[in-house]
Amino acid sequence: MLFLVAALLLLGTVLGTVAHAPLPVTLVAAAVIGAWLAVFAVRERHGRRRHHPTH
């Protein structure tokens, strides 16, 4: 997942979207996106472990 965040940040820099924002703003945005992805991954893993078959 961190690879995905790094790839998107690099893509944004190459395309010029992130290049116009100050570096601290870019790093904060990357950290927020990374935290969101981490929370999503934890919730998905937790949900799959607790999944009870209904059949």
Protein backbone atom coordinates (compact mmCIF):
# COMPACT_ATOMS: atom_id res chain seq x y z
CA MET A 1 0.00 0.00 0.00
CA LEU A 2 2.83 2.38 0.72
CA PHE A 3 4.09 1.56 -2.77
CA LEU A 4 0.74 2.72 -4.13
CA VAL A 5 0.95 5.99 -2.21
CA ALA A 6 4.51 6.56 -3.42
CA ALA A 7 3.51 5.77 -7.00
CA LEU A 8 0.57 8.17 -6.88
CA LEU A 9 2.73 10.90 -5.35
CA LEU A 10 5.35 10.39 -8.06
CA LEU A 11 2.66 10.43 -10.74
CA GLY A 12 1.25 13.65 -9.33
CA THR A 13 4.69 15.22 -9.30
CA VAL A 14 5.35 14.18 -12.88
CA LEU A 15 2.00 15.52 -14.02
CA GLY A 16 2.56 18.79 -12.18
CA THR A 17 -0.33 18.61 -9.72
CA VAL A 18 1.80 18.19 -6.62
CA ALA A 19 4.66 20.26 -8.03
CA HIS A 20 2.72 23.48 -7.38
CA ALA A 21 2.00 22.69 -3.74
CA PRO A 22 4.61 23.28 -1.03
CA LEU A 23 6.52 20.18 0.07
CA PRO A 24 5.06 20.11 3.62
CA VAL A 25 1.52 20.17 2.20
CA THR A 26 2.40 17.31 -0.14
CA LEU A 27 3.91 15.27 2.70
CA VAL A 28 0.90 15.85 4.93
CA ALA A 29 -1.46 14.81 2.12
CA ALA A 30 0.62 11.68 1.50
CA ALA A 31 0.54 10.84 5.22
CA VAL A 32 -3.24 11.30 5.37
CA ILE A 33 -3.76 9.08 2.33
CA GLY A 34 -1.38 6.47 3.77
CA ALA A 35 -3.18 6.47 7.11
CA TRP A 36 -6.54 6.13 5.38
CA LEU A 37 -5.27 3.16 3.37
CA ALA A 38 -3.83 1.55 6.51
CA VAL A 39 -7.14 1.93 8.37
CA PHE A 40 -8.98 0.50 5.38
CA ALA A 41 -6.62 -2.49 5.22
CA VAL A 42 -6.99 -3.20 8.94
CA ARG A 43 -10.78 -3.00 8.73
CA GLU A 44 -10.84 -5.30 5.70
CA ARG A 45 -8.64 -7.91 7.41
CA HIS A 46 -10.65 -7.68 10.60
CA GLY A 47 -13.92 -8.04 8.68
CA ARG A 48 -12.72 -11.11 6.80
CA ARG A 49 -11.62 -12.84 9.98
CA ARG A 50 -15.01 -12.30 11.63
CA HIS A 51 -17.01 -13.31 8.55
CA HIS A 52 -19.44 -16.06 9.43
CA PRO A 53 -20.95 -18.11 6.64
CA THR A 54 -24.72 -17.82 6.54
CA HIS A 55 -25.28 -21.05 4.61
